[in-house]
N, C-alpha and C. Protein backbone atom coordinates (compact mmCIF):
# COMPACT_ATOMS: atom_id res chain seq x y z
N UNK A 1 94.66 99.04 93.53
CA UNK A 1 95.86 98.66 92.28
C UNK A 1 96.76 98.03 92.71
N UNK A 2 97.43 96.92 92.30
CA UNK A 2 98.16 96.11 92.49
C UNK A 2 99.58 96.43 92.30
N UNK A 3 100.53 95.59 93.04
CA UNK A 3 102.38 96.09 93.42
C UNK A 3 102.41 95.10 92.40
N UNK A 4 103.52 95.16 92.02
CA UNK A 4 104.43 94.61 90.81
C UNK A 4 105.06 93.49 91.77
N UNK A 5 105.88 92.87 91.42
CA UNK A 5 106.83 91.66 92.18
C UNK A 5 107.66 91.28 91.02
N UNK A 6 108.96 91.98 91.66
CA UNK A 6 110.66 90.95 90.35
C UNK A 6 111.10 90.47 91.07
N UNK A 7 111.33 89.44 90.78
CA UNK A 7 111.97 88.80 91.60
C UNK A 7 113.56 88.75 90.64
N UNK A 8 114.46 89.10 91.28
CA UNK A 8 115.77 89.82 90.86
C UNK A 8 116.87 88.43 91.12
N UNK A 9 116.43 87.67 92.94
CA UNK A 9 118.27 86.47 92.50
C UNK A 9 117.40 85.09 91.30
N UNK A 10 117.94 84.67 91.38
CA UNK A 10 119.65 84.46 91.26
C UNK A 10 120.58 85.05 90.39
N UNK A 11 119.34 85.60 89.56
CA UNK A 11 119.62 86.27 88.28
C UNK A 11 120.36 87.66 88.01
N UNK A 12 120.34 88.30 89.36
CA UNK A 12 120.79 89.77 89.48
C UNK A 12 120.72 89.81 91.37
N UNK A 13 121.47 90.64 91.82
CA UNK A 13 121.50 90.82 93.10
C UNK A 13 121.56 92.84 92.94
N UNK A 14 121.43 93.17 94.53
CA UNK A 14 121.06 94.57 93.88
C UNK A 14 121.87 95.36 95.47
N UNK A 15 122.94 95.93 95.50
CA UNK A 15 122.95 96.41 96.83
C UNK A 15 122.41 97.81 97.52
N UNK A 16 122.13 98.18 98.59
CA UNK A 16 121.71 99.08 99.03
C UNK A 16 122.03 100.67 98.36
N UNK A 17 123.02 100.76 98.10
CA UNK A 17 123.48 102.12 96.85
C UNK A 17 122.46 101.77 95.74
N UNK A 18 122.38 100.82 94.76
CA UNK A 18 122.28 99.94 93.47
C UNK A 18 120.52 100.98 93.85
N UNK A 19 120.06 100.49 95.26
CA UNK A 19 118.77 100.66 95.27
C UNK A 19 118.70 101.91 95.14
N UNK A 20 119.85 102.42 95.83
CA UNK A 20 118.98 104.11 97.12
C UNK A 20 119.15 104.78 94.70
N UNK A 21 120.07 104.26 94.65
CA UNK A 21 120.24 105.28 92.51
C UNK A 21 119.16 104.94 92.02
N UNK A 22 118.04 103.24 92.17
CA UNK A 22 116.75 103.47 91.45
C UNK A 22 116.08 103.91 91.77
N UNK A 23 115.50 104.69 93.32
CA UNK A 23 114.81 105.23 93.84
C UNK A 23 114.63 106.15 93.65
N UNK A 24 116.15 107.20 93.43
CA UNK A 24 116.26 108.69 93.26
C UNK A 24 116.14 108.57 91.41
N UNK A 25 116.79 107.97 90.85
CA UNK A 25 116.20 108.01 89.39
C UNK A 25 115.52 108.28 89.04
N UNK A 26 113.61 107.54 89.38
CA UNK A 26 112.80 107.05 89.06
C UNK A 26 111.83 107.82 90.56
N UNK A 27 111.92 108.76 90.77
CA UNK A 27 111.31 109.53 91.43
C UNK A 27 109.84 109.24 91.62
N UNK A 28 108.72 109.01 90.39
CA UNK A 28 107.42 108.68 91.06
C UNK A 28 107.27 107.50 90.73
N UNK A 29 108.65 106.75 90.90
CA UNK A 29 107.96 105.19 91.33
C UNK A 29 107.94 104.92 92.77
N UNK A 30 107.03 104.45 93.79
CA UNK A 30 107.49 103.37 94.71
C UNK A 30 108.60 102.22 94.99
N UNK A 31 109.69 102.30 95.39
CA UNK A 31 110.28 100.11 95.67
C UNK A 31 110.62 100.15 96.38
N UNK A 32 109.98 99.18 96.66
CA UNK A 32 110.48 98.65 97.89
C UNK A 32 110.67 97.19 97.35
N UNK A 33 111.19 96.76 98.53
CA UNK A 33 112.26 95.42 98.60
C UNK A 33 111.95 94.62 100.32
N UNK A 34 111.62 93.09 100.11
CA UNK A 34 111.77 92.69 100.69
C UNK A 34 112.79 91.67 101.03
N UNK A 35 112.38 90.61 102.30
CA UNK A 35 114.11 90.01 102.59
C UNK A 35 114.38 88.81 101.39
N UNK A 36 113.51 88.78 100.63
CA UNK A 36 114.06 87.74 100.11
C UNK A 36 114.94 88.65 98.84
N UNK A 37 114.79 89.86 99.17
CA UNK A 37 115.60 90.44 97.54
C UNK A 37 114.36 90.76 96.46
N UNK A 38 113.50 90.54 96.62
CA UNK A 38 113.04 91.27 95.44
C UNK A 38 112.82 92.58 95.77
N UNK A 39 112.27 93.21 94.23
CA UNK A 39 111.81 94.28 94.27
C UNK A 39 110.48 94.05 94.41
N UNK A 40 110.30 95.29 94.85
CA UNK A 40 108.39 94.86 94.81
C UNK A 40 107.39 97.26 94.49
N UNK A 41 107.10 97.01 93.16
CA UNK A 41 107.37 98.27 92.63
C UNK A 41 105.47 98.42 93.10
N UNK A 42 105.55 99.90 94.56
CA UNK A 42 104.16 99.91 94.87
C UNK A 42 103.08 100.97 94.24
N UNK A 43 102.22 100.47 94.39
CA UNK A 43 100.66 101.68 93.39
C UNK A 43 101.75 102.88 94.54
N UNK A 44 100.86 104.29 93.91
CA UNK A 44 100.45 105.62 94.16
C UNK A 44 99.65 105.23 95.84
N UNK A 45 99.71 105.88 96.76
CA UNK A 45 98.51 105.85 97.64
C UNK A 45 97.71 106.96 96.20
N UNK A 46 95.78 106.44 96.90
CA UNK A 46 94.96 107.13 96.12
C UNK A 46 94.41 108.62 97.18
N UNK A 47 94.05 109.15 96.75
CA UNK A 47 92.95 109.66 97.66
C UNK A 47 91.80 109.37 98.64
N UNK A 48 92.02 107.88 98.78
CA UNK A 48 90.98 107.16 99.56
C UNK A 48 91.76 107.02 100.54
N UNK A 49 93.16 106.10 101.09
CA UNK A 49 94.34 106.36 101.96
C UNK A 49 94.15 107.76 102.02
N UNK A 50 94.54 108.80 101.46
CA UNK A 50 94.40 110.04 101.49
C UNK A 50 94.11 109.84 103.14
N UNK A 51 92.42 110.25 102.45
CA UNK A 51 91.97 111.06 103.59
C UNK A 51 91.36 109.32 105.28
N UNK A 52 91.26 108.62 104.91
CA UNK A 52 92.32 107.51 106.01
C UNK A 52 93.25 107.70 107.01
N UNK A 53 94.31 108.45 106.11
CA UNK A 53 95.67 108.79 106.78
C UNK A 53 95.36 110.13 107.79
N UNK A 54 94.49 111.51 106.89
CA UNK A 54 93.57 112.29 108.01
C UNK A 54 93.40 111.70 108.88
N UNK A 55 92.88 111.18 109.19
CA UNK A 55 91.22 110.86 109.82
C UNK A 55 92.29 110.30 111.32
N UNK A 56 93.31 109.05 110.38
CA UNK A 56 93.62 108.18 111.64
C UNK A 56 94.68 109.47 113.04
N UNK A 57 95.41 110.36 112.45
CA UNK A 57 95.80 111.45 112.14
C UNK A 57 95.54 112.50 113.31
N UNK A 58 94.08 112.64 112.66
CA UNK A 58 93.35 113.58 113.73
C UNK A 58 92.93 112.72 114.82
N UNK A 59 92.52 111.38 115.26
CA UNK A 59 92.82 110.48 116.06
C UNK A 59 93.69 111.02 116.75
N UNK A 60 94.88 111.19 116.64
CA UNK A 60 95.96 110.86 117.60
C UNK A 60 96.05 112.17 118.24
N UNK A 61 95.91 113.38 117.15
CA UNK A 61 95.89 115.25 117.79
C UNK A 61 94.95 114.90 118.80
N UNK A 62 93.60 114.57 118.57
CA UNK A 62 92.58 115.26 119.71
C UNK A 62 92.42 113.98 120.29
């Protein structure tokens, strides 16, 4: 799956509070911001990633 990048600047700047509200308003989407202020819309993790995370967690516990 592909992450989508939306370049907000210079047309729009988003404060931390506005970003937080965007995330709260859209709980089914995963948003990130990079150092340049771009908004990244990340795809949800799938079964393969979940399985890999479980394997890694098991390695640390055992």
